[in-house]
Amino acid sequence: MNEQAFFESLSDETRRRILVLILKHEELCVCDLFHALEAPQPKVSRHLAVLRDAGVLAQRREGTWVFYRLDPQLPAWAYRTLGLMADGVGNGVPYREDAGRLANAAARQVRCGT
């Protein structure tokens, strides 16, 4: 892992919001993320690509859907850093709102075009 790329990937609020959601839910589809963030799909996908290229996230495909989770090869220090980051910012306004939108979509079973 390139430490510089790791820390640069954390420099953007949208990427931190994505990571907080993934840390809480372990794995999320792109559609879950753009719904929760209220951001256009291309923007969310661009940020996911930065996180994937930095070695922070891994992806898997299921049909036409792409799911993201923390990369299992992520070093322990990076997991701890992400956990501390999530603990520190997770109660902030955008992070709480993101979690609420994701929970509401799940409760209504609005996921990935269904």
PDB file of N, CA and C in Angstrom:
ATOM      1  N   MET A   1       0.839  -1.182   0.000  1.00  0.00           N
ATOM      2  CA  MET A   1       0.000   0.000   0.000  1.00  0.00           C
ATOM      3  C   MET A   1       0.884   1.245   0.000  1.00  0.00           C
ATOM      4  N   ASN A   2       0.464   2.202  -0.766  1.00  0.00           N
ATOM      5  CA  ASN A   2       1.152   3.481  -0.822  1.00  0.00           C
ATOM      6  C   ASN A   2       0.533   4.400   0.233  1.00  0.00           C
ATOM      7  N   GLU A   3       1.292   4.703   1.266  1.00  0.00           N
ATOM      8  CA  GLU A   3       0.770   5.511   2.378  1.00  0.00           C
ATOM      9  C   GLU A   3       0.331   6.898   1.916  1.00  0.00           C
ATOM     10  N   GLN A   4       1.082   7.485   0.979  1.00  0.00           N
ATOM     11  CA  GLN A   4       0.720   8.815   0.472  1.00  0.00           C
ATOM     12  C   GLN A   4      -0.658   8.779  -0.187  1.00  0.00           C
ATOM     13  N   ALA A   5      -0.901   7.789  -1.033  1.00  0.00           N
ATOM     14  CA  ALA A   5      -2.195   7.652  -1.706  1.00  0.00           C
ATOM     15  C   ALA A   5      -3.308   7.406  -0.688  1.00  0.00           C
ATOM     16  N   PHE A   6      -3.015   6.621   0.351  1.00  0.00           N
ATOM     17  CA  PHE A   6      -4.008   6.355   1.391  1.00  0.00           C
ATOM     18  C   PHE A   6      -4.454   7.656   2.047  1.00  0.00           C
ATOM     19  N   PHE A   7      -3.497   8.455   2.514  1.00  0.00           N
ATOM     20  CA  PHE A   7      -3.859   9.681   3.218  1.00  0.00           C
ATOM     21  C   PHE A   7      -4.457  10.726   2.279  1.00  0.00           C
ATOM     22  N   GLU A   8      -4.003  10.767   1.044  1.00  0.00           N
ATOM     23  CA  GLU A   8      -4.617  11.691   0.078  1.00  0.00           C
ATOM     24  C   GLU A   8      -6.066  11.308  -0.191  1.00  0.00           C
ATOM     25  N   SER A   9      -6.355  10.004  -0.181  1.00  0.00           N
ATOM     26  CA  SER A   9      -7.731   9.567  -0.423  1.00  0.00           C
ATOM     27  C   SER A   9      -8.675  10.013   0.691  1.00  0.00           C
ATOM     28  N   LEU A  10      -8.131  10.268   1.881  1.00  0.00           N
ATOM     29  CA  LEU A  10      -8.954  10.731   3.006  1.00  0.00           C
ATOM     30  C   LEU A  10      -9.152  12.240   3.017  1.00  0.00           C
ATOM     31  N   SER A  11      -8.519  12.948   2.095  1.00  0.00           N
ATOM     32  CA  SER A  11      -8.546  14.405   2.124  1.00  0.00           C
ATOM     33  C   SER A  11      -9.859  14.998   1.631  1.00  0.00           C
ATOM     34  N   ASP A  12     -10.720  14.198   1.045  1.00  0.00           N
ATOM     35  CA  ASP A  12     -11.971  14.702   0.489  1.00  0.00           C
ATOM     36  C   ASP A  12     -13.154  14.282   1.354  1.00  0.00           C
ATOM     37  N   GLU A  13     -14.055  15.222   1.634  1.00  0.00           N
ATOM     38  CA  GLU A  13     -15.188  14.915   2.506  1.00  0.00           C
ATOM     39  C   GLU A  13     -16.107  13.850   1.910  1.00  0.00           C
ATOM     40  N   THR A  14     -16.340  13.881   0.620  1.00  0.00           N
ATOM     41  CA  THR A  14     -17.206  12.867   0.011  1.00  0.00           C
ATOM     42  C   THR A  14     -16.611  11.476   0.215  1.00  0.00           C
ATOM     43  N   ARG A  15     -15.311  11.345   0.051  1.00  0.00           N
ATOM     44  CA  ARG A  15     -14.677  10.036   0.270  1.00  0.00           C
ATOM     45  C   ARG A  15     -14.756   9.622   1.734  1.00  0.00           C
ATOM     46  N   ARG A  16     -14.608  10.579   2.654  1.00  0.00           N
ATOM     47  CA  ARG A  16     -14.759  10.235   4.079  1.00  0.00           C
ATOM     48  C   ARG A  16     -16.189   9.796   4.370  1.00  0.00           C
ATOM     49  N   ARG A  17     -17.164  10.456   3.769  1.00  0.00           N
ATOM     50  CA  ARG A  17     -18.572  10.062   3.965  1.00  0.00           C
ATOM     51  C   ARG A  17     -18.814   8.648   3.442  1.00  0.00           C
ATOM     52  N   ILE A  18     -18.248   8.338   2.285  1.00  0.00           N
ATOM     53  CA  ILE A  18     -18.361   6.986   1.727  1.00  0.00           C
ATOM     54  C   ILE A  18     -17.762   5.971   2.688  1.00  0.00           C
ATOM     55  N   LEU A  19     -16.583   6.263   3.194  1.00  0.00           N
ATOM     56  CA  LEU A  19     -15.894   5.322   4.087  1.00  0.00           C
ATOM     57  C   LEU A  19     -16.650   5.113   5.387  1.00  0.00           C
ATOM     58  N   VAL A  20     -17.222   6.166   5.947  1.00  0.00           N
ATOM     59  CA  VAL A  20     -17.996   6.019   7.186  1.00  0.00           C
ATOM     60  C   VAL A  20     -19.172   5.072   6.949  1.00  0.00           C
ATOM     61  N   LEU A  21     -19.863   5.229   5.829  1.00  0.00           N
ATOM     62  CA  LEU A  21     -20.987   4.336   5.522  1.00  0.00           C
ATOM     63  C   LEU A  21     -20.521   2.896   5.327  1.00  0.00           C
ATOM     64  N   ILE A  22     -19.438   2.714   4.603  1.00  0.00           N
ATOM     65  CA  ILE A  22     -18.943   1.356   4.369  1.00  0.00           C
ATOM     66  C   ILE A  22     -18.434   0.732   5.662  1.00  0.00           C
ATOM     67  N   LEU A  23     -17.785   1.510   6.496  1.00  0.00           N
ATOM     68  CA  LEU A  23     -17.336   0.977   7.786  1.00  0.00           C
ATOM     69  C   LEU A  23     -18.523   0.510   8.624  1.00  0.00           C
ATOM     70  N   LYS A  24     -19.614   1.232   8.556  1.00  0.00           N
ATOM     71  CA  LYS A  24     -20.798   0.882   9.354  1.00  0.00           C
ATOM     72  C   LYS A  24     -21.536  -0.331   8.780  1.00  0.00           C
ATOM     73  N   HIS A  25     -21.562  -0.444   7.465  1.00  0.00           N
ATOM     74  CA  HIS A  25     -22.371  -1.480   6.818  1.00  0.00           C
ATOM     75  C   HIS A  25     -21.554  -2.600   6.185  1.00  0.00           C
ATOM     76  N   GLU A  26     -20.241  -2.505   6.234  1.00  0.00           N
ATOM     77  CA  GLU A  26     -19.302  -3.499   5.716  1.00  0.00           C
ATOM     78  C   GLU A  26     -19.234  -3.553   4.198  1.00  0.00           C
ATOM     79  N   GLU A  27     -20.370  -3.530   3.518  1.00  0.00           N
ATOM     80  CA  GLU A  27     -20.379  -3.566   2.060  1.00  0.00           C
ATOM     81  C   GLU A  27     -21.619  -2.842   1.561  1.00  0.00           C
ATOM     82  N   LEU A  28     -21.422  -1.987   0.554  1.00  0.00           N
ATOM     83  CA  LEU A  28     -22.543  -1.247  -0.021  1.00  0.00           C
ATOM     84  C   LEU A  28     -22.409  -1.195  -1.531  1.00  0.00           C
ATOM     85  N   CYS A  29     -23.561  -1.163  -2.176  1.00  0.00           N
ATOM     86  CA  CYS A  29     -23.639  -1.015  -3.620  1.00  0.00           C
ATOM     87  C   CYS A  29     -23.469   0.460  -3.977  1.00  0.00           C
ATOM     88  N   VAL A  30     -22.993   0.711  -5.180  1.00  0.00           N
ATOM     89  CA  VAL A  30     -22.870   2.092  -5.648  1.00  0.00           C
ATOM     90  C   VAL A  30     -24.203   2.810  -5.524  1.00  0.00           C
ATOM     91  N   CYS A  31     -25.293   2.139  -5.856  1.00  0.00           N
ATOM     92  CA  CYS A  31     -26.613   2.789  -5.788  1.00  0.00           C
ATOM     93  C   CYS A  31     -26.975   3.177  -4.354  1.00  0.00           C
ATOM     94  N   ASP A  32     -26.592   2.370  -3.378  1.00  0.00           N
ATOM     95  CA  ASP A  32     -26.813   2.734  -1.973  1.00  0.00           C
ATOM     96  C   ASP A  32     -26.073   4.018  -1.644  1.00  0.00           C
ATOM     97  N   LEU A  33     -24.854   4.110  -2.135  1.00  0.00           N
ATOM     98  CA  LEU A  33     -24.008   5.254  -1.804  1.00  0.00           C
ATOM     99  C   LEU A  33     -24.494   6.534  -2.447  1.00  0.00           C
ATOM    100  N   PHE A  34     -24.849   6.509  -3.727  1.00  0.00           N
ATOM    101  CA  PHE A  34     -25.282   7.781  -4.305  1.00  0.00           C
ATOM    102  C   PHE A  34     -26.631   8.202  -3.770  1.00  0.00           C
ATOM    103  N   HIS A  35     -27.457   7.249  -3.354  1.00  0.00           N
ATOM    104  CA  HIS A  35     -28.717   7.617  -2.699  1.00  0.00           C
ATOM    105  C   HIS A  35     -28.447   8.255  -1.332  1.00  0.00           C
ATOM    106  N   ALA A  36     -27.611   7.617  -0.534  1.00  0.00           N
ATOM    107  CA  ALA A  36     -27.319   8.123   0.810  1.00  0.00           C
ATOM    108  C   ALA A  36     -26.634   9.483   0.772  1.00  0.00           C
ATOM    109  N   LEU A  37     -25.749   9.681  -0.188  1.00  0.00           N
ATOM    110  CA  LEU A  37     -24.998  10.939  -0.277  1.00  0.00           C
ATOM    111  C   LEU A  37     -25.761  12.026  -1.019  1.00  0.00           C
ATOM    112  N   GLU A  38     -26.854  11.639  -1.684  1.00  0.00           N
ATOM    113  CA  GLU A  38     -27.591  12.566  -2.542  1.00  0.00           C
ATOM    114  C   GLU A  38     -26.647  13.228  -3.546  1.00  0.00           C
ATOM    115  N   ALA A  39     -25.838  12.389  -4.180  1.00  0.00           N
ATOM    116  CA  ALA A  39     -24.851  12.860  -5.146  1.00  0.00           C
ATOM    117  C   ALA A  39     -25.040  12.093  -6.451  1.00  0.00           C
ATOM    118  N   PRO A  40     -24.683  12.705  -7.571  1.00  0.00           N
ATOM    119  CA  PRO A  40     -24.815  12.007  -8.852  1.00  0.00           C
ATOM    120  C   PRO A  40     -23.942  10.747  -8.894  1.00  0.00           C
ATOM    121  N   GLN A  41     -24.449   9.716  -9.546  1.00  0.00           N
ATOM    122  CA  GLN A  41     -23.727   8.453  -9.629  1.00  0.00           C
ATOM    123  C   GLN A  41     -22.321   8.618 -10.199  1.00  0.00           C
ATOM    124  N   PRO A  42     -22.110   9.416 -11.261  1.00  0.00           N
ATOM    125  CA  PRO A  42     -20.735   9.552 -11.771  1.00  0.00           C
ATOM    126  C   PRO A  42     -19.768  10.136 -10.734  1.00  0.00           C
ATOM    127  N   LYS A  43     -20.255  11.072  -9.930  1.00  0.00           N
ATOM    128  CA  LYS A  43     -19.395  11.668  -8.892  1.00  0.00           C
ATOM    129  C   LYS A  43     -19.021  10.622  -7.851  1.00  0.00           C
ATOM    130  N   VAL A  44     -20.000   9.853  -7.402  1.00  0.00           N
ATOM    131  CA  VAL A  44     -19.741   8.811  -6.405  1.00  0.00           C
ATOM    132  C   VAL A  44     -18.790   7.767  -6.985  1.00  0.00           C
ATOM    133  N   SER A  45     -19.019   7.357  -8.219  1.00  0.00           N
ATOM    134  CA  SER A  45     -18.146   6.364  -8.849  1.00  0.00           C
ATOM    135  C   SER A  45     -16.717   6.875  -8.976  1.00  0.00           C
ATOM    136  N   ARG A  46     -16.556   8.144  -9.279  1.00  0.00           N
ATOM    137  CA  ARG A  46     -15.218   8.737  -9.386  1.00  0.00           C
ATOM    138  C   ARG A  46     -14.494   8.673  -8.043  1.00  0.00           C
ATOM    139  N   HIS A  47     -15.209   8.998  -6.952  1.00  0.00           N
ATOM    140  CA  HIS A  47     -14.600   8.936  -5.620  1.00  0.00           C
ATOM    141  C   HIS A  47     -14.305   7.494  -5.212  1.00  0.00           C
ATOM    142  N   LEU A  48     -15.181   6.571  -5.572  1.00  0.00           N
ATOM    143  CA  LEU A  48     -14.926   5.160  -5.288  1.00  0.00           C
ATOM    144  C   LEU A  48     -13.679   4.676  -6.024  1.00  0.00           C
ATOM    145  N   ALA A  49     -13.488   5.143  -7.247  1.00  0.00           N
ATOM    146  CA  ALA A  49     -12.295   4.767  -8.012  1.00  0.00           C
ATOM    147  C   ALA A  49     -11.021   5.265  -7.334  1.00  0.00           C
ATOM    148  N   VAL A  50     -11.063   6.474  -6.784  1.00  0.00           N
ATOM    149  CA  VAL A  50      -9.891   7.002  -6.064  1.00  0.00           C
ATOM    150  C   VAL A  50      -9.575   6.108  -4.875  1.00  0.00           C
ATOM    151  N   LEU A  51     -10.612   5.736  -4.111  1.00  0.00           N
ATOM    152  CA  LEU A  51     -10.417   4.886  -2.933  1.00  0.00           C
ATOM    153  C   LEU A  51      -9.938   3.490  -3.327  1.00  0.00           C
ATOM    154  N   ARG A  52     -10.464   2.969  -4.411  1.00  0.00           N
ATOM    155  CA  ARG A  52     -10.031   1.650  -4.896  1.00  0.00           C
ATOM    156  C   ARG A  52      -8.578   1.708  -5.375  1.00  0.00           C
ATOM    157  N   ASP A  53      -8.242   2.745  -6.146  1.00  0.00           N
ATOM    158  CA  ASP A  53      -6.876   2.873  -6.662  1.00  0.00           C
ATOM    159  C   ASP A  53      -5.859   3.086  -5.544  1.00  0.00           C
ATOM    160  N   ALA A  54      -6.299   3.686  -4.437  1.00  0.00           N
ATOM    161  CA  ALA A  54      -5.409   3.902  -3.294  1.00  0.00           C
ATOM    162  C   ALA A  54      -5.251   2.637  -2.454  1.00  0.00           C
ATOM    163  N   GLY A  55      -6.015   1.592  -2.781  1.00  0.00           N
ATOM    164  CA  GLY A  55      -5.926   0.343  -2.030  1.00  0.00           C
ATOM    165  C   GLY A  55      -6.792   0.314  -0.787  1.00  0.00           C
ATOM    166  N   VAL A  56      -7.722   1.269  -0.663  1.00  0.00           N
ATOM    167  CA  VAL A  56      -8.588   1.338   0.512  1.00  0.00           C
ATOM    168  C   VAL A  56      -9.802   0.437   0.337  1.00  0.00           C
ATOM    169  N   LEU A  57     -10.369   0.411  -0.864  1.00  0.00           N
ATOM    170  CA  LEU A  57     -11.577  -0.362  -1.122  1.00  0.00           C
ATOM    171  C   LEU A  57     -11.324  -1.470  -2.129  1.00  0.00           C
ATOM    172  N   ALA A  58     -12.113  -2.518  -2.011  1.00  0.00           N
ATOM    173  CA  ALA A  58     -12.172  -3.600  -2.993  1.00  0.00           C
ATOM    174  C   ALA A  58     -13.603  -3.631  -3.514  1.00  0.00           C
ATOM    175  N   GLN A  59     -13.784  -4.184  -4.686  1.00  0.00           N
ATOM    176  CA  GLN A  59     -15.121  -4.258  -5.265  1.00  0.00           C
ATOM    177  C   GLN A  59     -15.436  -5.665  -5.719  1.00  0.00           C
ATOM    178  N   ARG A  60     -16.718  -5.941  -5.823  1.00  0.00           N
ATOM    179  CA  ARG A  60     -17.177  -7.194  -6.424  1.00  0.00           C
ATOM    180  C   ARG A  60     -18.425  -6.890  -7.236  1.00  0.00           C
ATOM    181  N   ARG A  61     -18.598  -7.629  -8.292  1.00  0.00           N
ATOM    182  CA  ARG A  61     -19.762  -7.455  -9.154  1.00  0.00           C
ATOM    183  C   ARG A  61     -20.783  -8.538  -8.862  1.00  0.00           C
ATOM    184  N   GLU A  62     -22.036  -8.134  -8.920  1.00  0.00           N
ATOM    185  CA  GLU A  62     -23.152  -9.066  -8.814  1.00  0.00           C
ATOM    186  C   GLU A  62     -24.144  -8.647  -9.886  1.00  0.00           C
ATOM    187  N   GLY A  63     -24.107  -9.333 -11.002  1.00  0.00           N
ATOM    188  CA  GLY A  63     -24.916  -8.913 -12.143  1.00  0.00           C
ATOM    189  C   GLY A  63     -24.418  -7.561 -12.634  1.00  0.00           C
ATOM    190  N   THR A  64     -25.327  -6.599 -12.688  1.00  0.00           N
ATOM    191  CA  THR A  64     -24.945  -5.256 -13.141  1.00  0.00           C
ATOM    192  C   THR A  64     -24.524  -4.354 -11.992  1.00  0.00           C
ATOM    193  N   TRP A  65     -24.616  -4.837 -10.761  1.00  0.00           N
ATOM    194  CA  TRP A  65     -24.319  -4.010  -9.592  1.00  0.00           C
ATOM    195  C   TRP A  65     -22.884  -4.212  -9.128  1.00  0.00           C
ATOM    196  N   VAL A  66     -22.306  -3.147  -8.609  1.00  0.00           N
ATOM    197  CA  VAL A  66     -20.948  -3.199  -8.072  1.00  0.00           C
ATOM    198  C   VAL A  66     -21.023  -2.863  -6.583  1.00  0.00           C
ATOM    199  N   PHE A  67     -20.450  -3.735  -5.763  1.00  0.00           N
ATOM    200  CA  PHE A  67     -20.452  -3.566  -4.317  1.00  0.00           C
ATOM    201  C   PHE A  67     -19.036  -3.258  -3.847  1.00  0.00           C
ATOM    202  N   TYR A  68     -18.942  -2.368  -2.858  1.00  0.00           N
ATOM    203  CA  TYR A  68     -17.643  -1.964  -2.320  1.00  0.00           C
ATOM    204  C   TYR A  68     -17.546  -2.300  -0.848  1.00  0.00           C
ATOM    205  N   ARG A  69     -16.339  -2.682  -0.445  1.00  0.00           N
ATOM    206  CA  ARG A  69     -16.015  -2.983   0.948  1.00  0.00           C
ATOM    207  C   ARG A  69     -14.558  -2.587   1.164  1.00  0.00           C
ATOM    208  N   LEU A  70     -14.138  -2.544   2.418  1.00  0.00           N
ATOM    209  CA  LEU A  70     -12.730  -2.272   2.677  1.00  0.00           C
ATOM    210  C   LEU A  70     -11.902  -3.396   2.068  1.00  0.00           C
ATOM    211  N   ASP A  71     -10.768  -3.030   1.517  1.00  0.00           N
ATOM    212  CA  ASP A  71      -9.883  -4.022   0.917  1.00  0.00           C
ATOM    213  C   ASP A  71      -9.357  -4.944   2.015  1.00  0.00           C
ATOM    214  N   PRO A  72      -9.513  -6.255   1.862  1.00  0.00           N
ATOM    215  CA  PRO A  72      -9.039  -7.180   2.893  1.00  0.00           C
ATOM    216  C   PRO A  72      -7.516  -7.151   3.068  1.00  0.00           C
ATOM    217  N   GLN A  73      -6.786  -6.592   2.107  1.00  0.00           N
ATOM    218  CA  GLN A  73      -5.330  -6.478   2.204  1.00  0.00           C
ATOM    219  C   GLN A  73      -4.894  -5.195   2.917  1.00  0.00           C
ATOM    220  N   LEU A  74      -5.853  -4.408   3.375  1.00  0.00           N
ATOM    221  CA  LEU A  74      -5.542  -3.152   4.052  1.00  0.00           C
ATOM    222  C   LEU A  74      -4.743  -3.447   5.320  1.00  0.00           C
ATOM    223  N   PRO A  75      -3.613  -2.775   5.526  1.00  0.00           N
ATOM    224  CA  PRO A  75      -2.819  -3.021   6.739  1.00  0.00           C
ATOM    225  C   PRO A  75      -3.593  -2.638   8.008  1.00  0.00           C
ATOM    226  N   ALA A  76      -3.218  -3.262   9.103  1.00  0.00           N
ATOM    227  CA  ALA A  76      -3.901  -3.026  10.387  1.00  0.00           C
ATOM    228  C   ALA A  76      -3.875  -1.551  10.771  1.00  0.00           C
ATOM    229  N   TRP A  77      -2.757  -0.860  10.544  1.00  0.00           N
ATOM    230  CA  TRP A  77      -2.679   0.554  10.905  1.00  0.00           C
ATOM    231  C   TRP A  77      -3.698   1.375  10.116  1.00  0.00           C
ATOM    232  N   ALA A  78      -3.961   0.975   8.857  1.00  0.00           N
ATOM    233  CA  ALA A  78      -4.918   1.707   8.034  1.00  0.00           C
ATOM    234  C   ALA A  78      -6.345   1.460   8.532  1.00  0.00           C
ATOM    235  N   TYR A  79      -6.659   0.211   8.921  1.00  0.00           N
ATOM    236  CA  TYR A  79      -7.965  -0.076   9.523  1.00  0.00           C
ATOM    237  C   TYR A  79      -8.174   0.778  10.772  1.00  0.00           C
ATOM    238  N   ARG A  80      -7.150   0.838  11.623  1.00  0.00           N
ATOM    239  CA  ARG A  80      -7.271   1.639  12.854  1.00  0.00           C
ATOM    240  C   ARG A  80      -7.468   3.116  12.529  1.00  0.00           C
ATOM    241  N   THR A  81      -6.741   3.608  11.543  1.00  0.00           N
ATOM    242  CA  THR A  81      -6.871   5.007  11.139  1.00  0.00           C
ATOM    243  C   THR A  81      -8.295   5.296  10.656  1.00  0.00           C
ATOM    244  N   LEU A  82      -8.840   4.402   9.838  1.00  0.00           N
ATOM    245  CA  LEU A  82     -10.202   4.594   9.337  1.00  0.00           C
ATOM    246  C   LEU A  82     -11.221   4.529  10.475  1.00  0.00           C
ATOM    247  N   GLY A  83     -11.014   3.610  11.402  1.00  0.00           N
ATOM    248  CA  GLY A  83     -11.920   3.514  12.544  1.00  0.00           C
ATOM    249  C   GLY A  83     -11.904   4.765  13.391  1.00  0.00           C
ATOM    250  N   LEU A  84     -10.716   5.300  13.640  1.00  0.00           N
ATOM    251  CA  LEU A  84     -10.603   6.543  14.407  1.00  0.00           C
ATOM    252  C   LEU A  84     -11.236   7.709  13.657  1.00  0.00           C
ATOM    253  N   MET A  85     -11.036   7.760  12.348  1.00  0.00           N
ATOM    254  CA  MET A  85     -11.646   8.800  11.536  1.00  0.00           C
ATOM    255  C   MET A  85     -13.168   8.727  11.634  1.00  0.00           C
ATOM    256  N   ALA A  86     -13.720   7.528  11.493  1.00  0.00           N
ATOM    257  CA  ALA A  86     -15.169   7.348  11.556  1.00  0.00           C
ATOM    258  C   ALA A  86     -15.710   7.724  12.938  1.00  0.00           C
ATOM    259  N   ASP A  87     -14.994   7.342  13.993  1.00  0.00           N
ATOM    260  CA  ASP A  87     -15.414   7.710  15.348  1.00  0.00           C
ATOM    261  C   ASP A  87     -15.412   9.222  15.525  1.00  0.00           C
ATOM    262  N   GLY A  88     -14.434   9.880  14.931  1.00  0.00           N
ATOM    263  CA  GLY A  88     -14.296  11.323  15.104  1.00  0.00           C
ATOM    264  C   GLY A  88     -15.299  12.139  14.331  1.00  0.00           C
ATOM    265  N   VAL A  89     -15.688  11.683  13.146  1.00  0.00           N
ATOM    266  CA  VAL A  89     -16.572  12.497  12.312  1.00  0.00           C
ATOM    267  C   VAL A  89     -17.984  11.929  12.196  1.00  0.00           C
ATOM    268  N   GLY A  90     -18.192  10.698  12.587  1.00  0.00           N
ATOM    269  CA  GLY A  90     -19.450   9.988  12.357  1.00  0.00           C
ATOM    270  C   GLY A  90     -20.684  10.638  12.913  1.00  0.00           C
ATOM    271  N   ASN A  91     -20.552  11.476  13.923  1.00  0.00           N
ATOM    272  CA  ASN A  91     -21.716  12.153  14.491  1.00  0.00           C
ATOM    273  C   ASN A  91     -21.933  13.531  13.883  1.00  0.00           C
ATOM    274  N   GLY A  92     -21.100  13.907  12.930  1.00  0.00           N
ATOM    275  CA  GLY A  92     -21.267  15.192  12.256  1.00  0.00           C
ATOM    276  C   GLY A  92     -22.512  15.185  11.383  1.00  0.00           C
ATOM    277  N   VAL A  93     -22.989  16.380  11.065  1.00  0.00           N
ATOM    278  CA  VAL A  93     -24.245  16.535  10.327  1.00  0.00           C
ATOM    279  C   VAL A  93     -24.281  15.741   9.023  1.00  0.00           C
ATOM    280  N   PRO A  94     -23.332  15.896   8.105  1.00  0.00           N
ATOM    281  CA  PRO A  94     -23.527  15.159   6.847  1.00  0.00           C
ATOM    282  C   PRO A  94     -23.495  13.648   7.043  1.00  0.00           C
ATOM    283  N   TYR A  95     -22.711  13.178   7.997  1.00  0.00           N
ATOM    284  CA  TYR A  95     -22.584  11.736   8.221  1.00  0.00           C
ATOM    285  C   TYR A  95     -23.864  11.154   8.822  1.00  0.00           C
ATOM    286  N   ARG A  96     -24.467  11.869   9.747  1.00  0.00           N
ATOM    287  CA  ARG A  96     -25.749  11.423  10.334  1.00  0.00           C
ATOM    288  C   ARG A  96     -26.846  11.421   9.275  1.00  0.00           C
ATOM    289  N   GLU A  97     -26.866  12.468   8.453  1.00  0.00           N
ATOM    290  CA  GLU A  97     -27.879  12.545   7.398  1.00  0.00           C
ATOM    291  C   GLU A  97     -27.710  11.423   6.382  1.00  0.00           C
ATOM    292  N   ASP A  98     -26.467  11.130   6.016  1.00  0.00           N
ATOM    293  CA  ASP A  98     -26.192  10.017   5.090  1.00  0.00           C
ATOM    294  C   ASP A  98     -26.728   8.709   5.667  1.00  0.00           C
ATOM    295  N   ALA A  99     -26.422   8.458   6.929  1.00  0.00           N
ATOM    296  CA  ALA A  99     -26.867   7.220   7.586  1.00  0.00           C
ATOM    297  C   ALA A  99     -28.390   7.150   7.628  1.00  0.00           C
ATOM    298  N   GLY A 100     -29.033   8.279   7.891  1.00  0.00           N
ATOM    299  CA  GLY A 100     -30.496   8.319   7.930  1.00  0.00           C
ATOM    300  C   GLY A 100     -31.116   8.019   6.575  1.00  0.00           C
ATOM    301  N   ARG A 101     -30.563   8.613   5.508  1.00  0.00           N
ATOM    302  CA  ARG A 101     -31.091   8.346   4.167  1.00  0.00           C
ATOM    303  C   ARG A 101     -30.896   6.879   3.783  1.00  0.00           C
ATOM    304  N   LEU A 102     -29.755   6.321   4.143  1.00  0.00           N
ATOM    305  CA  LEU A 102     -29.502   4.916   3.830  1.00  0.00           C
ATOM    306  C   LEU A 102     -30.461   4.017   4.618  1.00  0.00           C
ATOM    307  N   ALA A 103     -30.681   4.326   5.875  1.00  0.00           N
ATOM    308  CA  ALA A 103     -31.603   3.534   6.700  1.00  0.00           C
ATOM    309  C   ALA A 103     -33.029   3.635   6.167  1.00  0.00           C
ATOM    310  N   ASN A 104     -33.449   4.830   5.765  1.00  0.00           N
ATOM    311  CA  ASN A 104     -34.800   5.003   5.230  1.00  0.00           C
ATOM    312  C   ASN A 104     -34.986   4.235   3.932  1.00  0.00           C
ATOM    313  N   ALA A 105     -33.966   4.238   3.082  1.00  0.00           N
ATOM    314  CA  ALA A 105     -34.052   3.483   1.821  1.00  0.00           C
ATOM    315  C   ALA A 105     -34.146   1.994   2.104  1.00  0.00           C
ATOM    316  N   ALA A 106     -33.382   1.517   3.072  1.00  0.00           N
ATOM    317  CA  ALA A 106     -33.417   0.092   3.423  1.00  0.00           C
ATOM    318  C   ALA A 106     -34.769  -0.274   4.000  1.00  0.00           C
ATOM    319  N   ALA A 107     -35.327   0.617   4.831  1.00  0.00           N
ATOM    320  CA  ALA A 107     -36.636   0.339   5.436  1.00  0.00           C
ATOM    321  C   ALA A 107     -37.729   0.281   4.373  1.00  0.00           C
ATOM    322  N   ARG A 108     -37.586   1.095   3.339  1.00  0.00           N
ATOM    323  CA  ARG A 108     -38.564   1.103   2.250  1.00  0.00           C
ATOM    324  C   ARG A 108     -38.190   0.097   1.181  1.00  0.00           C
ATOM    325  N   GLN A 109     -37.096  -0.604   1.358  1.00  0.00           N
ATOM    326  CA  GLN A 109     -36.560  -1.585   0.420  1.00  0.00           C
ATOM    327  C   GLN A 109     -36.305  -0.954  -0.949  1.00  0.00           C
ATOM    328  N   VAL A 110     -35.832   0.281  -0.920  1.00  0.00           N
ATOM    329  CA  VAL A 110     -35.439   0.972  -2.137  1.00  0.00           C
ATOM    330  C   VAL A 110     -33.945   0.762  -2.297  1.00  0.00           C
ATOM    331  N   ARG A 111     -33.605  -0.216  -3.095  1.00  0.00           N
ATOM    332  CA  ARG A 111     -32.183  -0.548  -3.302  1.00  0.00           C
ATOM    333  C   ARG A 111     -31.963  -0.875  -4.761  1.00  0.00           C
ATOM    334  N   CYS A 112     -30.965  -0.303  -5.299  1.00  0.00           N
ATOM    335  CA  CYS A 112     -30.442  -0.686  -6.614  1.00  0.00           C
ATOM    336  C   CYS A 112     -31.525  -0.896  -7.664  1.00  0.00           C
ATOM    337  N   GLY A 113     -32.387   0.088  -7.773  1.00  0.00           N
ATOM    338  CA  GLY A 113     -33.369   0.048  -8.840  1.00  0.00           C
ATOM    339  C   GLY A 113     -34.598  -0.810  -8.559  1.00  0.00           C
ATOM    340  N   THR A 114     -34.742  -1.322  -7.330  1.00  0.00           N
ATOM    341  CA  THR A 114     -35.928  -2.150  -7.030  1.00  0.00           C
ATOM    342  C   THR A 114     -37.003  -1.320  -6.382  1.00  0.00           C
TER     343      THR A 114
END
